[in-house]
Amino acid sequence: MLQEGRFGWAMLNVLANLLGSFAMTALAFWLVSASPAH
């Protein structure tokens, strides 16, 4: 039971990491495309 919970937590951590990096990339891309310089 403990092992299963730990595995779920690890998966959640990886998912949060991926989502975070994707959000940062999307934000940077939006900032670049929305900037008046371009």
C-alpha atoms as a PDB file:
ATOM      1  CA  MET A   1       0.000   0.000   0.000  1.00  0.00           C
ATOM      2  CA  LEU A   2       2.834   2.359   0.880  1.00  0.00           C
ATOM      3  CA  GLN A   3       4.675   1.471  -2.318  1.00  0.00           C
ATOM      4  CA  GLU A   4       1.568   2.178  -4.388  1.00  0.00           C
ATOM      5  CA  GLY A   5       1.107   5.586  -2.767  1.00  0.00           C
ATOM      6  CA  ARG A   6       4.759   6.429  -3.330  1.00  0.00           C
ATOM      7  CA  PHE A   7       4.472   5.458  -7.008  1.00  0.00           C
ATOM      8  CA  GLY A   8       1.377   7.631  -7.390  1.00  0.00           C
ATOM      9  CA  TRP A   9       3.168  10.547  -5.735  1.00  0.00           C
ATOM     10  CA  ALA A  10       6.139  10.102  -8.075  1.00  0.00           C
ATOM     11  CA  MET A  11       3.856  10.107 -11.113  1.00  0.00           C
ATOM     12  CA  LEU A  12       2.102  13.216  -9.813  1.00  0.00           C
ATOM     13  CA  ASN A  13       5.466  14.902  -9.289  1.00  0.00           C
ATOM     14  CA  VAL A  14       6.579  14.098 -12.847  1.00  0.00           C
ATOM     15  CA  LEU A  15       3.253  15.293 -14.241  1.00  0.00           C
ATOM     16  CA  ALA A  16       3.518  18.559 -12.294  1.00  0.00           C
ATOM     17  CA  ASN A  17       7.089  19.005 -13.547  1.00  0.00           C
ATOM     18  CA  LEU A  18       6.070  18.474 -17.178  1.00  0.00           C
ATOM     19  CA  LEU A  19       3.075  20.770 -16.809  1.00  0.00           C
ATOM     20  CA  GLY A  20       5.219  23.445 -15.172  1.00  0.00           C
ATOM     21  CA  SER A  21       7.904  23.375 -17.857  1.00  0.00           C
ATOM     22  CA  PHE A  22       5.259  23.376 -20.585  1.00  0.00           C
ATOM     23  CA  ALA A  23       3.517  26.353 -18.960  1.00  0.00           C
ATOM     24  CA  MET A  24       6.791  28.273 -18.718  1.00  0.00           C
ATOM     25  CA  THR A  25       7.606  27.521 -22.370  1.00  0.00           C
ATOM     26  CA  ALA A  26       4.127  28.589 -23.474  1.00  0.00           C
ATOM     27  CA  LEU A  27       4.375  31.756 -21.382  1.00  0.00           C
ATOM     28  CA  ALA A  28       7.763  32.654 -22.853  1.00  0.00           C
ATOM     29  CA  PHE A  29       6.485  31.967 -26.383  1.00  0.00           C
ATOM     30  CA  TRP A  30       3.410  34.131 -25.736  1.00  0.00           C
ATOM     31  CA  LEU A  31       5.528  36.959 -24.317  1.00  0.00           C
ATOM     32  CA  VAL A  32       7.791  36.886 -27.390  1.00  0.00           C
ATOM     33  CA  SER A  33       4.907  36.760 -29.869  1.00  0.00           C
ATOM     34  CA  ALA A  34       2.927  39.429 -27.990  1.00  0.00           C
ATOM     35  CA  SER A  35       5.813  41.862 -27.583  1.00  0.00           C
ATOM     36  CA  PRO A  36       5.537  45.025 -29.744  1.00  0.00           C
ATOM     37  CA  ALA A  37       9.130  44.612 -30.954  1.00  0.00           C
ATOM     38  CA  HIS A  38       8.198  41.748 -33.262  1.00  0.00           C
END
